[in-house]
Amino acid sequence: MAEFKPEGDHIHPLREEAKLETLKWFSSYQGVDAKWIATIKLSRSDYMAAFIYPDVDFDELVLVMEWYYWAFFIDDTVDNGQLSHEGIENLVWMLEEVQMNRDIAERPPLPLIVEMFQAIWLKIRHKNRPCFESLFASSSIDYARGLPELDKMRHDGGIPDLETYKRNRRLVVWLEGALLFTGFILDLKIDQEVLNSSEMKELHATYIELGWLINDIYSWNIEQRRRDMCNFISLIVIHEQKSVQDAMNDAEQEIRSQVLKCRSVKTRVLQTYRDHKDIEDLKIYIERNQVWIWVAVAWSFVAGERYFGNQKASEEAQNTGIVHIMPREVDTQ
């Protein structure tokens, strides 16, 4: 993973100021209580934003943080079963309507998740960067459309097969949207023909595969604790009758395979478009986005309480590689 780590002091100098500004924005919404503020703080998504974009203007950094805060807000809302299945489907419809720039004002009051996203979307549109705006919208809609299936897998009592799970996981990891957001926030100029090419789609696919595999490894312990079996490690254990360690080893081997593929595809993309007029911006897009692979690992330890239960356990895991399996919560049903 070291090859994906950027050199030097790679954190935005105004991270704390941007974090305070974003928390002020988040807490201004009616319905955001102290519990949600604490949850969002623990997500440490401000670290992600400041690490991925250490050199953007302050207002750009705040916009990134607002979107990341919203992403964790909707993710945790759905994961924790706080919406009915019908509520999620209605939410998906309204998010699509917002990103299709249709007027949904006749349906007040908007759910808090939609109200927040609408505010972010208006800021995105105000930037007037149509290329990446449209691609981001399409990816974001795909993410939202994956949520109802995820909710069914998680709360209807069934255990999905591995291929069904992986297909859905690639959508709801929301990494494709994050990759495209890089092009948007850096205002890169890259032809749609290049971005939609088979080579770039394959490169995106390797980043996405690495992203969800890494996340499933680090989130497995806390998820099994709350009896959530929608995780690659748990599904290998269930379907292939393997130990947790063997399942972890399988996931690690898949990550190694994807890293090799990532190197190969990246080389092919840069070779294919070496004489293209947008090659310099394409190089920036690729180099900046591959940092996501490092961040997926580093952030998991930074947000230690989210995945390890507490920061001490996170530090022990990082320093020794030893993770103590947490006892499962008592099933109250």
Protein backbone atom coordinates (compact mmCIF):
# COMPACT_ATOMS: atom_id res chain seq x y z
CA MET A 1 0.00 0.00 0.00
CA ALA A 2 2.99 2.31 0.48
CA GLU A 3 3.07 3.10 -3.24
CA PHE A 4 -0.27 4.90 -2.85
CA LYS A 5 0.93 7.09 0.02
CA PRO A 6 1.77 10.66 -1.04
CA GLU A 7 5.11 12.13 -0.03
CA GLY A 8 5.62 14.82 2.60
CA ASP A 9 3.20 16.58 4.95
CA HIS A 10 0.02 15.83 3.07
CA ILE A 11 -2.76 17.50 5.06
CA HIS A 12 -4.57 20.76 4.41
CA PRO A 13 -3.27 23.50 6.74
CA LEU A 14 -6.81 24.83 7.26
CA ARG A 15 -8.30 21.48 8.18
CA GLU A 16 -9.43 22.48 11.68
CA GLU A 17 -10.97 25.76 10.51
CA ALA A 18 -12.81 23.97 7.69
CA LYS A 19 -13.99 21.29 10.12
CA LEU A 20 -15.47 23.91 12.45
CA GLU A 21 -17.19 25.63 9.54
CA THR A 22 -18.64 22.34 8.32
CA LEU A 23 -19.83 21.31 11.78
CA LYS A 24 -21.53 24.70 12.08
CA TRP A 25 -23.31 24.02 8.76
CA PHE A 26 -24.27 20.48 9.75
CA SER A 27 -25.60 21.42 13.18
CA SER A 28 -27.67 24.29 11.74
CA TYR A 29 -30.27 21.83 10.40
CA GLN A 30 -33.31 21.20 12.53
CA GLY A 31 -33.31 17.54 13.47
CA VAL A 32 -29.54 17.25 13.89
CA ASP A 33 -29.14 16.51 17.59
CA ALA A 34 -26.11 16.12 19.84
CA LYS A 35 -25.95 12.39 19.13
CA TRP A 36 -25.67 12.94 15.38
CA ILE A 37 -23.05 15.63 15.84
CA ALA A 38 -21.00 13.25 17.99
CA THR A 39 -21.39 10.48 15.38
CA ILE A 40 -20.26 12.72 12.54
CA LYS A 41 -17.29 13.94 14.55
CA LEU A 42 -16.25 10.33 15.17
CA SER A 43 -16.42 9.59 11.45
CA ARG A 44 -13.31 11.79 11.05
CA SER A 45 -14.32 12.43 7.46
CA ASP A 46 -12.68 15.85 7.75
CA TYR A 47 -9.38 13.92 7.83
CA MET A 48 -10.26 12.27 4.52
CA ALA A 49 -11.06 15.59 2.89
CA ALA A 50 -7.96 17.36 4.17
CA PHE A 51 -5.70 14.45 3.18
CA ILE A 52 -7.08 13.96 -0.32
CA TYR A 53 -7.21 17.69 -1.07
CA PRO A 54 -4.35 19.39 0.83
CA ASP A 55 -4.08 22.31 -1.59
CA VAL A 56 -7.60 23.43 -2.52
CA ASP A 57 -9.12 26.78 -1.54
CA PHE A 58 -10.87 26.98 1.81
CA ASP A 59 -14.40 27.11 0.37
CA GLU A 60 -13.64 24.08 -1.80
CA LEU A 61 -12.41 22.15 1.23
CA VAL A 62 -15.57 23.05 3.16
CA LEU A 63 -17.72 21.84 0.25
CA VAL A 64 -15.86 18.52 0.20
CA MET A 65 -16.35 18.15 3.96
CA GLU A 66 -20.05 18.97 3.68
CA TRP A 67 -20.49 16.21 1.09
CA TYR A 68 -18.48 13.74 3.19
CA TYR A 69 -20.50 14.59 6.30
CA TRP A 70 -23.69 14.05 4.32
CA ALA A 71 -22.38 10.74 2.93
CA PHE A 72 -21.72 9.40 6.42
CA PHE A 73 -25.06 10.76 7.57
CA ILE A 74 -27.04 8.84 4.94
CA ASP A 75 -24.81 5.77 5.26
CA ASP A 76 -25.28 5.50 9.02
CA THR A 77 -29.00 6.29 8.78
CA VAL A 78 -29.55 3.38 6.38
CA ASP A 79 -27.10 1.00 8.10
CA ASN A 80 -28.73 1.53 11.49
CA GLY A 81 -32.23 0.77 10.20
CA GLN A 82 -33.58 4.24 10.98
CA LEU A 83 -35.71 4.28 7.82
CA SER A 84 -38.32 1.80 6.63
CA HIS A 85 -37.77 0.14 3.27
CA GLU A 86 -40.49 2.37 1.79
CA GLY A 87 -38.80 5.38 3.37
CA ILE A 88 -35.51 4.49 1.68
CA GLU A 89 -37.18 4.05 -1.71
CA ASN A 90 -38.87 7.44 -1.34
CA LEU A 91 -35.55 8.96 -0.33
CA VAL A 92 -33.90 7.54 -3.45
CA TRP A 93 -36.62 9.03 -5.65
CA MET A 94 -36.21 12.48 -4.13
CA LEU A 95 -32.41 12.39 -4.39
CA GLU A 96 -32.75 11.52 -8.07
CA GLU A 97 -35.16 14.39 -8.57
CA VAL A 98 -32.72 16.82 -6.95
CA GLN A 99 -29.84 15.70 -9.16
CA MET A 100 -32.01 15.81 -12.25
CA ASN A 101 -32.61 19.45 -11.27
CA ARG A 102 -36.35 18.96 -10.93
CA ASP A 103 -38.42 21.04 -8.56
CA ILE A 104 -39.47 19.07 -5.47
CA ALA A 105 -40.55 22.12 -3.50
CA GLU A 106 -44.17 21.00 -3.76
CA ARG A 107 -43.39 18.10 -1.40
CA PRO A 108 -42.49 19.91 1.84
CA PRO A 109 -41.15 19.22 4.32
CA LEU A 110 -38.19 17.49 2.73
CA PRO A 111 -36.49 14.73 4.71
CA LEU A 112 -33.38 16.05 6.41
CA ILE A 113 -31.09 13.92 4.24
CA VAL A 114 -32.61 15.37 1.07
CA GLU A 115 -32.64 18.92 2.41
CA MET A 116 -28.92 18.71 3.17
CA PHE A 117 -28.05 17.17 -0.17
CA GLN A 118 -30.09 19.76 -2.04
CA ALA A 119 -28.03 22.52 -0.40
CA ILE A 120 -24.80 20.76 -1.41
CA TRP A 121 -26.07 20.15 -4.94
CA LEU A 122 -26.89 23.82 -5.41
CA LYS A 123 -23.32 24.70 -4.44
CA ILE A 124 -22.01 22.11 -6.88
CA ARG A 125 -24.11 23.53 -9.70
CA HIS A 126 -23.05 27.06 -8.86
CA LYS A 127 -19.45 26.05 -9.63
CA ASN A 128 -20.51 25.54 -13.26
CA ARG A 129 -18.27 22.57 -14.01
CA PRO A 130 -20.68 20.58 -16.19
CA CYS A 131 -18.42 17.69 -17.23
CA PHE A 132 -17.72 16.25 -13.80
CA GLU A 133 -21.03 17.55 -12.41
CA SER A 134 -23.00 15.27 -14.74
CA LEU A 135 -20.76 12.26 -14.17
CA PHE A 136 -20.89 12.76 -10.40
CA ALA A 137 -24.70 13.04 -10.53
CA SER A 138 -24.99 9.80 -12.49
CA SER A 139 -22.70 7.99 -10.04
CA SER A 140 -24.50 9.44 -7.03
CA ILE A 141 -27.85 8.28 -8.42
CA ASP A 142 -26.43 4.77 -8.90
CA TYR A 143 -25.28 4.82 -5.26
CA ALA A 144 -28.74 5.81 -4.05
CA ARG A 145 -30.39 3.13 -6.19
CA GLY A 146 -28.26 0.51 -4.46
CA LEU A 147 -29.55 1.40 -1.00
CA PRO A 148 -32.92 -0.42 -1.11
CA GLU A 149 -31.24 -3.71 -2.05
CA LEU A 150 -28.68 -3.22 0.72
CA ASP A 151 -31.48 -2.57 3.20
CA LYS A 152 -33.24 -5.79 2.15
CA MET A 153 -30.03 -7.81 2.51
CA ARG A 154 -29.36 -6.32 5.93
CA HIS A 155 -32.80 -6.33 7.53
CA ASP A 156 -34.92 -9.01 5.82
CA GLY A 157 -33.12 -11.86 7.52
CA GLY A 158 -31.63 -13.52 4.43
CA ILE A 159 -27.95 -14.06 3.72
CA PRO A 160 -26.95 -12.84 0.22
CA ASP A 161 -24.68 -14.93 -1.98
CA LEU A 162 -21.21 -13.53 -2.56
CA GLU A 163 -21.76 -12.31 -6.12
CA THR A 164 -24.99 -10.49 -5.25
CA TYR A 165 -23.25 -8.88 -2.31
CA LYS A 166 -20.22 -7.78 -4.34
CA ARG A 167 -22.36 -6.27 -7.08
CA ASN A 168 -24.29 -4.19 -4.57
CA ARG A 169 -21.18 -3.33 -2.53
CA ARG A 170 -19.52 -1.73 -5.54
CA LEU A 171 -22.44 0.68 -5.75
CA VAL A 172 -22.93 1.59 -2.10
CA VAL A 173 -19.25 2.05 -1.19
CA TRP A 174 -19.75 5.51 -2.85
CA LEU A 175 -16.15 5.53 -4.03
CA GLU A 176 -16.93 6.13 -7.70
CA GLY A 177 -18.67 9.36 -6.73
CA ALA A 178 -15.62 10.31 -4.65
CA LEU A 179 -13.30 9.67 -7.60
CA LEU A 180 -15.37 11.83 -9.90
CA PHE A 181 -15.65 14.50 -7.21
CA THR A 182 -11.87 14.84 -7.45
CA GLY A 183 -12.16 15.93 -11.06
CA PHE A 184 -14.94 18.32 -10.09
CA ILE A 185 -13.31 19.94 -7.06
CA LEU A 186 -9.94 20.36 -8.84
CA ASP A 187 -11.76 21.72 -11.92
CA LEU A 188 -9.88 19.36 -14.23
CA LYS A 189 -10.46 19.50 -17.96
CA ILE A 190 -10.71 15.98 -19.36
CA ASP A 191 -12.77 14.93 -22.37
CA GLN A 192 -15.85 12.86 -21.60
CA GLU A 193 -14.62 10.44 -24.27
CA VAL A 194 -11.54 9.75 -22.16
CA LEU A 195 -13.41 9.52 -18.86
CA ASN A 196 -15.97 7.14 -20.37
CA SER A 197 -13.36 4.99 -22.13
CA SER A 198 -13.06 1.30 -21.32
CA GLU A 199 -9.57 1.92 -19.93
CA MET A 200 -10.74 4.55 -17.44
CA LYS A 201 -13.75 2.49 -16.44
CA GLU A 202 -11.42 -0.41 -15.70
CA LEU A 203 -9.14 1.84 -13.63
CA HIS A 204 -12.11 3.17 -11.68
CA ALA A 205 -13.24 -0.42 -11.12
CA THR A 206 -9.89 -1.39 -9.55
CA TYR A 207 -10.01 1.62 -7.19
CA ILE A 208 -13.59 0.74 -6.22
CA GLU A 209 -12.73 -2.94 -5.68
CA LEU A 210 -9.81 -2.01 -3.45
CA GLY A 211 -11.94 0.51 -1.57
CA TRP A 212 -14.74 -1.83 -0.56
CA LEU A 213 -12.41 -4.77 0.18
CA ILE A 214 -10.30 -2.63 2.53
CA ASN A 215 -13.41 -1.22 4.17
CA ASP A 216 -14.93 -4.66 4.71
CA ILE A 217 -11.75 -5.92 6.38
CA TYR A 218 -11.56 -3.02 8.80
CA SER A 219 -15.29 -2.78 9.49
CA TRP A 220 -15.85 -6.52 9.94
CA ASN A 221 -15.23 -6.62 13.69
CA ILE A 222 -17.70 -3.89 14.62
CA GLU A 223 -20.27 -5.21 12.14
CA GLN A 224 -20.15 -8.79 13.42
CA ARG A 225 -20.47 -7.34 16.91
CA ARG A 226 -23.88 -5.91 16.02
CA ARG A 227 -24.78 -9.13 14.13
CA ASP A 228 -24.57 -7.51 10.69
CA MET A 229 -23.56 -10.27 8.27
CA CYS A 230 -23.48 -7.99 5.20
CA ASN A 231 -19.72 -8.05 5.01
CA PHE A 232 -17.39 -9.93 2.66
CA ILE A 233 -15.53 -11.61 5.54
CA SER A 234 -18.71 -12.87 7.21
CA LEU A 235 -20.10 -14.14 3.90
CA ILE A 236 -16.93 -16.11 3.13
CA VAL A 237 -17.14 -17.67 6.59
CA ILE A 238 -20.81 -18.57 6.03
CA HIS A 239 -20.79 -19.71 2.40
CA GLU A 240 -17.34 -21.29 2.17
CA GLN A 241 -17.19 -22.68 5.72
CA LYS A 242 -13.87 -20.98 6.46
CA SER A 243 -12.39 -19.52 9.61
CA VAL A 244 -12.31 -15.75 10.08
CA GLN A 245 -8.52 -15.76 9.59
CA ASP A 246 -8.81 -17.75 6.34
CA ALA A 247 -11.49 -15.35 5.13
CA MET A 248 -9.23 -12.40 5.96
CA ASN A 249 -6.40 -14.11 4.06
CA ASP A 250 -8.67 -14.55 1.03
CA ALA A 251 -9.59 -10.85 1.13
CA GLU A 252 -5.92 -9.91 1.44
CA GLN A 253 -5.04 -12.01 -1.60
CA GLU A 254 -7.81 -10.33 -3.57
CA ILE A 255 -6.40 -6.94 -2.57
CA ARG A 256 -2.93 -7.97 -3.74
CA SER A 257 -4.42 -9.06 -7.04
CA GLN A 258 -6.27 -5.77 -7.46
CA VAL A 259 -3.11 -3.75 -6.66
CA LEU A 260 -1.28 -5.55 -9.47
CA LYS A 261 -4.19 -4.93 -11.80
CA CYS A 262 -4.30 -1.27 -10.78
CA ARG A 263 -0.64 -0.81 -11.71
CA SER A 264 -1.16 -2.46 -15.08
CA VAL A 265 -4.32 -0.54 -15.98
CA LYS A 266 -2.82 2.79 -14.87
CA THR A 267 0.19 2.21 -17.13
CA ARG A 268 -2.10 1.33 -20.02
CA VAL A 269 -4.27 4.44 -19.54
CA LEU A 270 -1.28 6.77 -19.48
CA GLN A 271 0.23 5.05 -22.51
CA THR A 272 -3.03 5.17 -24.45
CA TYR A 273 -3.56 8.89 -23.87
CA ARG A 274 0.08 10.04 -23.72
CA ASP A 275 -0.45 12.40 -26.70
CA HIS A 276 -3.95 13.56 -25.73
CA LYS A 277 -4.46 17.28 -25.16
CA ASP A 278 -5.77 16.56 -21.64
CA ILE A 279 -2.93 14.27 -20.56
CA GLU A 280 -1.63 16.58 -17.81
CA ASP A 281 -5.03 16.89 -16.12
CA LEU A 282 -5.54 13.14 -16.58
CA LYS A 283 -2.26 12.49 -14.75
CA ILE A 284 -3.41 14.73 -11.87
CA TYR A 285 -6.77 12.95 -11.75
CA ILE A 286 -5.14 9.51 -11.55
CA GLU A 287 -2.39 10.43 -9.10
CA ARG A 288 -4.74 12.25 -6.75
CA ASN A 289 -7.35 9.50 -6.81
CA GLN A 290 -4.95 6.66 -6.12
CA VAL A 291 -4.33 8.32 -2.73
CA TRP A 292 -7.81 7.03 -1.86
CA ILE A 293 -6.33 3.54 -1.51
CA TRP A 294 -3.93 4.75 1.18
CA VAL A 295 -6.60 6.84 2.87
CA ALA A 296 -8.96 3.85 3.07
CA VAL A 297 -6.37 2.17 5.32
CA ALA A 298 -5.08 5.20 7.24
CA TRP A 299 -8.54 6.60 7.96
CA SER A 300 -9.69 3.27 9.42
CA PHE A 301 -7.17 3.76 12.24
CA VAL A 302 -7.75 7.51 12.56
CA ALA A 303 -11.47 6.84 13.07
CA GLY A 304 -10.55 4.15 15.57
CA GLU A 305 -13.69 4.16 17.67
CA ARG A 306 -15.86 3.62 14.57
CA TYR A 307 -14.27 0.26 13.69
CA PHE A 308 -12.27 -0.88 16.71
CA GLY A 309 -14.56 0.22 19.53
CA ASN A 310 -12.03 2.64 21.00
CA GLN A 311 -8.83 4.42 20.02
CA LYS A 312 -6.63 2.23 22.22
CA ALA A 313 -7.76 -0.91 20.38
CA SER A 314 -7.20 0.88 17.07
CA GLU A 315 -3.63 1.80 18.04
CA GLU A 316 -2.92 -1.76 19.18
CA ALA A 317 -4.18 -3.13 15.87
CA GLN A 318 -2.08 -0.64 13.92
CA ASN A 319 1.09 -1.32 15.93
CA THR A 320 0.84 -5.10 16.32
CA GLY A 321 -1.56 -6.31 13.66
CA ILE A 322 -3.57 -8.03 16.40
CA VAL A 323 -7.33 -7.45 16.51
CA HIS A 324 -9.40 -8.85 19.36
CA ILE A 325 -12.78 -10.08 18.16
CA MET A 326 -15.49 -8.21 20.03
CA PRO A 327 -18.32 -10.17 21.66
CA ARG A 328 -21.62 -9.96 19.85
CA GLU A 329 -24.36 -7.76 21.18
CA VAL A 330 -27.26 -9.56 22.79
CA ASP A 331 -30.06 -10.21 20.31
CA THR A 332 -33.12 -8.52 21.80
CA GLN A 333 -35.56 -9.81 19.17
